Protein backbone atom coordinates (compact mmCIF):
# COMPACT_ATOMS: atom_id res chain seq x y z
CA MET A 1 0.03 0.10 0.09
CA SER A 2 2.68 2.41 -0.87
CA GLY A 3 1.52 5.72 -1.10
CA ARG A 4 -1.72 5.44 0.91
CA THR A 5 -1.68 6.64 4.30
CA LEU A 6 -4.23 5.62 7.23
CA GLU A 7 -6.00 8.77 6.90
CA ARG A 8 -7.10 7.91 3.42
CA THR A 9 -7.74 4.47 3.98
CA ARG A 10 -10.09 5.47 6.92
CA GLY A 11 -13.18 5.96 4.49
CA GLU A 12 -12.48 2.72 2.78
CA LEU A 13 -12.22 0.68 6.42
CA SER A 14 -15.73 2.49 7.45
CA ASP A 15 -17.26 1.19 4.03
CA PHE A 16 -15.70 -2.24 4.25
CA LEU A 17 -16.85 -3.04 8.17
CA MET A 18 -20.43 -1.43 7.19
CA ARG A 19 -20.88 -3.58 4.22
CA HIS A 20 -19.95 -6.64 5.60
CA ARG A 21 -22.26 -5.95 8.64
CA ALA A 22 -25.20 -5.45 6.59
CA LYS A 23 -24.51 -8.86 4.96
CA LEU A 24 -25.31 -10.78 8.05
CA ARG A 25 -28.41 -11.63 9.65
CA PRO A 26 -28.60 -12.64 13.30
CA ALA A 27 -29.45 -16.26 12.49
CA ASP A 28 -26.39 -16.45 10.42
CA VAL A 29 -24.42 -16.01 13.60
CA GLY A 30 -26.73 -17.71 16.48
CA LEU A 31 -28.36 -14.66 17.68
CA PRO A 32 -32.14 -14.51 18.10
CA THR A 33 -34.39 -11.96 15.81
CA THR A 34 -35.89 -9.87 18.10
CA GLY A 35 -38.10 -6.93 16.94
CA GLY A 36 -37.97 -4.63 13.85
CA ARG A 37 -35.02 -3.88 12.00
CA ARG A 38 -34.80 -0.58 10.32
CA THR A 39 -31.98 -1.74 8.26
CA PRO A 40 -30.59 -4.96 7.15
CA GLY A 41 -27.68 -6.94 8.69
CA LEU A 42 -26.22 -6.97 12.30
CA ARG A 43 -26.19 -3.92 14.62
CA ARG A 44 -22.91 -2.34 15.76
CA GLU A 45 -23.56 -3.65 19.54
CA GLU A 46 -24.21 -7.46 17.96
CA VAL A 47 -21.05 -7.24 16.52
CA ALA A 48 -18.89 -5.87 19.67
CA GLN A 49 -20.66 -8.59 21.62
CA LEU A 50 -19.78 -11.36 18.95
CA ALA A 51 -16.38 -9.83 19.04
CA GLY A 52 -15.91 -9.37 22.61
CA VAL A 53 -14.78 -5.80 22.24
CA GLY A 54 -16.25 -2.71 23.70
CA LEU A 55 -19.02 -1.18 21.90
CA THR A 56 -17.64 2.41 22.09
CA TRP A 57 -14.33 1.18 20.92
CA TYR A 58 -15.89 -0.60 17.80
CA THR A 59 -18.12 2.10 16.91
CA TRP A 60 -14.98 4.55 16.92
CA PHE A 61 -13.07 1.79 14.84
CA GLU A 62 -15.98 1.68 12.12
CA GLN A 63 -16.41 5.08 11.97
CA GLY A 64 -12.78 5.60 11.21
CA ARG A 65 -11.76 7.59 14.01
CA ASP A 66 -7.89 8.04 14.85
CA ILE A 67 -7.59 4.96 17.14
CA GLN A 68 -4.96 2.56 17.56
CA VAL A 69 -6.31 -1.17 17.46
CA SER A 70 -4.35 -4.51 18.23
CA GLU A 71 -3.75 -7.73 15.95
CA SER A 72 -6.17 -9.28 18.25
CA PHE A 73 -9.11 -6.88 18.05
CA LEU A 74 -8.79 -7.18 14.51
CA LEU A 75 -8.86 -10.98 14.40
CA ARG A 76 -11.87 -10.91 16.77
CA VAL A 77 -13.68 -8.61 14.43
CA SER A 78 -12.85 -10.57 11.18
CA LYS A 79 -14.30 -13.76 12.97
CA ALA A 80 -17.50 -11.77 14.12
CA LEU A 81 -18.22 -10.52 10.37
CA ARG A 82 -17.55 -14.19 9.25
CA LEU A 83 -14.64 -12.78 7.19
CA ASP A 84 -12.65 -15.30 4.67
CA ASP A 85 -9.07 -15.32 4.57
CA ALA A 86 -8.74 -12.46 1.77
CA GLU A 87 -11.20 -10.22 3.55
CA CYS A 88 -9.73 -10.62 6.80
CA CYS A 89 -6.15 -9.54 4.94
CA HIS A 90 -7.94 -6.74 3.34
CA LEU A 91 -8.95 -5.56 6.84
CA PHE A 92 -5.43 -5.61 8.27
CA LEU A 93 -4.21 -3.64 5.42
CA LEU A 94 -7.03 -0.80 5.51
CA ALA A 95 -6.27 -0.76 9.45
CA HIS A 96 -2.40 -1.63 9.78
CA ARG A 97 -1.14 -1.49 6.35
CA ARG A 98 0.14 -5.01 6.87
CA PRO A 99 -1.17 -8.53 6.30
CA PRO A 100 -2.26 -10.70 9.31
CA PRO A 101 0.28 -12.38 11.65
CA ALA A 102 1.46 -15.61 10.25
CA GLU A 103 0.12 -18.70 11.84
CA ALA A 104 2.72 -21.17 11.14
CA GLY A 105 0.94 -24.10 12.63
CA GLN A 106 -2.60 -23.92 10.75
CA SER A 107 -3.29 -26.94 8.88
CA PRO A 108 -6.13 -25.26 6.41
CA SER A 109 -7.78 -27.21 3.65
CA VAL A 110 -7.10 -26.09 0.25
CA GLY A 111 -9.97 -24.89 -2.17
CA PRO A 112 -11.08 -27.78 -4.58
CA LEU A 113 -9.53 -26.47 -7.52
CA ILE A 114 -6.08 -26.71 -5.96
CA GLN A 115 -6.80 -30.22 -5.06
CA GLN A 116 -7.65 -30.75 -8.51
CA LEU A 117 -4.50 -29.17 -9.87
CA LEU A 118 -2.53 -31.62 -7.54
CA ASP A 119 -4.44 -34.59 -8.90
CA ASP A 120 -3.96 -33.25 -12.50
CA LEU A 121 -0.29 -33.39 -11.96
CA VAL A 122 -0.45 -37.07 -12.83
CA ALA A 123 3.06 -37.64 -13.48
CA ARG A 124 4.57 -35.33 -10.97
CA PRO A 125 4.54 -35.94 -7.17
CA ALA A 126 3.27 -32.55 -5.46
CA TYR A 127 1.94 -31.40 -2.20
CA VAL A 128 1.19 -28.06 -0.47
CA LEU A 129 3.02 -27.22 2.93
CA ASN A 130 2.24 -24.66 5.31
CA LEU A 131 4.92 -22.47 7.08
CA ARG A 132 5.85 -25.30 9.46
CA TRP A 133 6.20 -27.47 6.33
CA ASP A 134 3.49 -29.44 7.24
CA ALA A 135 1.80 -31.34 4.34
CA VAL A 136 -1.65 -30.19 4.31
CA ALA A 137 -2.68 -31.54 0.70
CA TRP A 138 -0.91 -34.09 -1.69
CA ASN A 139 -1.70 -35.85 -5.07
CA ARG A 140 -1.18 -39.40 -5.63
CA GLY A 141 2.52 -39.23 -6.91
CA ALA A 142 3.58 -37.59 -3.56
CA ASP A 143 1.75 -40.34 -1.64
CA ASP A 144 3.33 -42.90 -3.43
CA LEU A 145 6.66 -41.65 -2.56
CA PHE A 146 6.17 -40.27 1.01
CA GLY A 147 3.34 -42.14 2.50
CA LEU A 148 1.50 -39.04 3.27
CA SER A 149 -1.91 -40.54 3.85
CA GLY A 150 -0.93 -43.36 6.08
CA ARG A 151 0.78 -41.10 8.42
CA GLN A 152 -0.80 -39.33 11.33
CA GLN A 153 -1.40 -35.43 10.94
CA GLY A 154 1.33 -34.50 13.12
CA ASP A 155 3.82 -36.87 11.18
CA ARG A 156 3.28 -35.19 7.64
CA ASN A 157 5.76 -32.81 8.34
CA ILE A 158 8.73 -32.94 5.61
CA LEU A 159 11.22 -31.70 8.22
CA ARG A 160 10.22 -34.75 10.63
CA MET A 161 10.15 -37.38 7.76
CA VAL A 162 13.79 -36.37 6.63
CA PHE A 163 15.38 -36.05 10.59
CA ALA A 164 13.45 -38.17 12.78
CA ASP A 165 12.03 -41.05 10.65
CA PRO A 166 14.74 -43.65 10.12
CA GLY A 167 12.50 -45.81 7.10
CA MET A 168 12.41 -42.50 5.38
CA ARG A 169 15.87 -41.50 5.47
CA HIS A 170 17.01 -45.17 4.60
CA ARG A 171 15.08 -44.37 1.46
CA LEU A 172 16.93 -40.98 0.58
CA PRO A 173 20.03 -41.92 -1.03
CA ALA A 174 21.34 -38.28 -1.15
CA TRP A 175 20.42 -37.34 2.19
CA HIS A 176 23.67 -35.66 3.44
CA GLU A 177 23.42 -33.36 0.16
CA ASP A 178 19.86 -33.12 0.68
CA ALA A 179 19.33 -32.25 4.29
CA PRO A 180 21.32 -29.38 5.05
CA LYS A 181 19.54 -27.59 2.02
CA LEU A 182 16.27 -28.18 3.47
CA VAL A 183 17.76 -26.80 6.97
CA ALA A 184 18.96 -23.65 5.35
CA GLN A 185 15.53 -23.12 3.63
CA PHE A 186 13.64 -23.67 6.67
CA ARG A 187 15.75 -21.16 8.77
CA CYS A 188 14.67 -18.43 5.97
CA ASP A 189 10.91 -19.17 6.74
CA LEU A 190 11.27 -19.01 10.25
CA ALA A 191 12.06 -15.55 9.86
CA ALA A 192 8.10 -14.81 8.86
CA ALA A 193 7.31 -15.84 12.25
CA PRO A 194 10.40 -16.10 14.53
CA ASP A 195 8.15 -16.39 17.76
CA ASP A 196 5.53 -18.77 16.47
CA PRO A 197 5.29 -21.65 19.19
CA GLY A 198 4.61 -24.26 16.69
CA MET A 199 7.83 -23.22 14.67
CA LEU A 200 10.08 -22.94 17.69
CA GLY A 201 8.45 -26.49 19.15
CA LEU A 202 9.39 -28.35 15.89
CA VAL A 203 12.91 -26.91 15.88
CA ASP A 204 13.39 -28.06 19.62
CA ASP A 205 12.13 -31.18 18.74
CA LEU A 206 14.19 -31.80 15.80
CA LYS A 207 17.25 -30.54 17.71
CA ALA A 208 16.83 -33.22 20.69
CA VAL A 209 16.52 -36.25 17.82
CA SER A 210 19.05 -35.16 15.55
CA PRO A 211 22.48 -34.04 15.94
CA ASP A 212 22.80 -33.17 12.29
CA PHE A 213 19.67 -30.71 12.53
CA ARG A 214 21.23 -29.23 15.04
CA ARG A 215 24.51 -28.49 13.76
CA TRP A 216 23.12 -27.47 10.59
CA PHE A 217 20.41 -25.15 12.14
CA GLU A 218 22.79 -23.50 14.20
CA GLN A 219 25.64 -23.06 11.28
CA PRO A 220 25.95 -19.77 9.88
CA GLY A 221 26.67 -18.96 6.13
CA MET A 222 24.91 -22.02 4.63
CA ASP A 223 23.92 -20.60 0.88
CA SER A 224 22.59 -23.61 -0.58
CA TYR A 225 18.88 -24.03 -0.08
CA ALA A 226 16.06 -26.52 -1.15
CA ARG A 227 12.36 -27.10 -0.44
CA GLY A 228 12.28 -30.74 -1.62
CA VAL A 229 14.42 -33.89 -1.48
CA GLY A 230 16.65 -34.49 -4.72
CA ALA A 231 16.76 -38.41 -4.78
CA VAL A 232 14.05 -40.87 -3.26
CA LEU A 233 14.07 -44.69 -3.33
CA ASP A 234 10.62 -46.03 -4.34
CA LEU A 235 8.78 -48.65 -2.82
CA ALA A 236 10.36 -51.05 -5.32
CA GLY A 237 13.87 -49.75 -4.35
CA ALA A 238 14.70 -47.85 -7.28
CA ARG A 239 16.25 -44.41 -7.33
CA GLN A 240 14.44 -41.64 -8.69
CA ASP A 241 16.26 -38.17 -8.97
CA PHE A 242 14.16 -34.99 -8.86
CA THR A 243 14.06 -31.11 -9.19
CA HIS A 244 11.45 -28.75 -7.83
CA GLU A 245 9.57 -25.67 -8.70
CA MET A 246 7.49 -23.99 -5.98
CA LEU A 247 4.06 -22.25 -6.74
CA VAL A 248 2.48 -19.95 -4.07
CA VAL A 249 -0.83 -21.41 -3.43
CA ASP A 250 -1.89 -18.68 -0.79
CA GLU A 251 0.44 -15.86 0.01
CA TYR A 252 -0.67 -14.68 3.47
CA ARG A 253 -1.27 -17.91 4.71
CA HIS A 254 2.21 -19.07 3.56
CA LEU A 255 0.72 -21.88 1.46
CA ARG A 256 3.25 -23.39 -1.33
CA MET A 257 2.71 -26.04 -3.50
CA ILE A 258 6.22 -28.10 -4.31
CA VAL A 259 6.01 -29.98 -7.47
CA TYR A 260 8.73 -32.71 -8.36
CA PHE A 261 10.04 -32.92 -11.71
CA GLN A 262 11.95 -36.33 -12.69
CA SER A 263 15.32 -35.28 -13.66
CA PRO A 264 16.55 -36.53 -17.32
CA PRO A 265 18.90 -39.53 -17.50
CA THR A 266 21.67 -37.19 -18.43
CA GLU A 267 21.17 -35.35 -15.34
CA ARG A 268 20.91 -38.02 -13.03
CA ARG A 269 24.63 -39.52 -14.02
């Protein structure tokens, strides 16, 4: 929002809030309908009640007054107004001129078109990761390689699979080349949510189970990065070599699709 001051966005913010408030009926949010209503939608006091914030403070906020509101306030209002991810992001940009804070550990479901895109990549293993590197969606090719559907939700983390799963490590013939690159990339991603409990908990867990992870994580100056492994033994024991591309699925929720491309025979040699 370069060049746009908060003063210039206050009118847009007020219009945005009133428009979304008018879209909702009491029944939509579990409130009883009582008495006649001169205008459609929720009243300000109902939004304040649902969000758990003061009526005066919400009123001033909707009027575009010069007040400072916290991220928690904005998230509460977003939930009260039933905003989706894009709308919540727009509210943050109008109010704070920055997107919502990253939630590294969230495990959102992807939309049906993203899942269809994954499934259409028949010849290419692909999965979608959140910021903590949990696989939240995948196609059959990725499932055949990594057995994602057979794992518990907490074990569908790429770093856990690489550093804490002996069976998976046995199937990574280039582990010593691939693993430090993954750590270097994860350290970059950690900068987006350096205080997130989920990210820090994962780091602590992997340091405890893997001296290699601890050494590479604490090693400065690593300049080789990767979001996927370069070689995997398939279930028949045959080596498959890959290169990768990353597609952004959702910028603000930090969802990324990692697509595996099988390397030509000349590159493998």
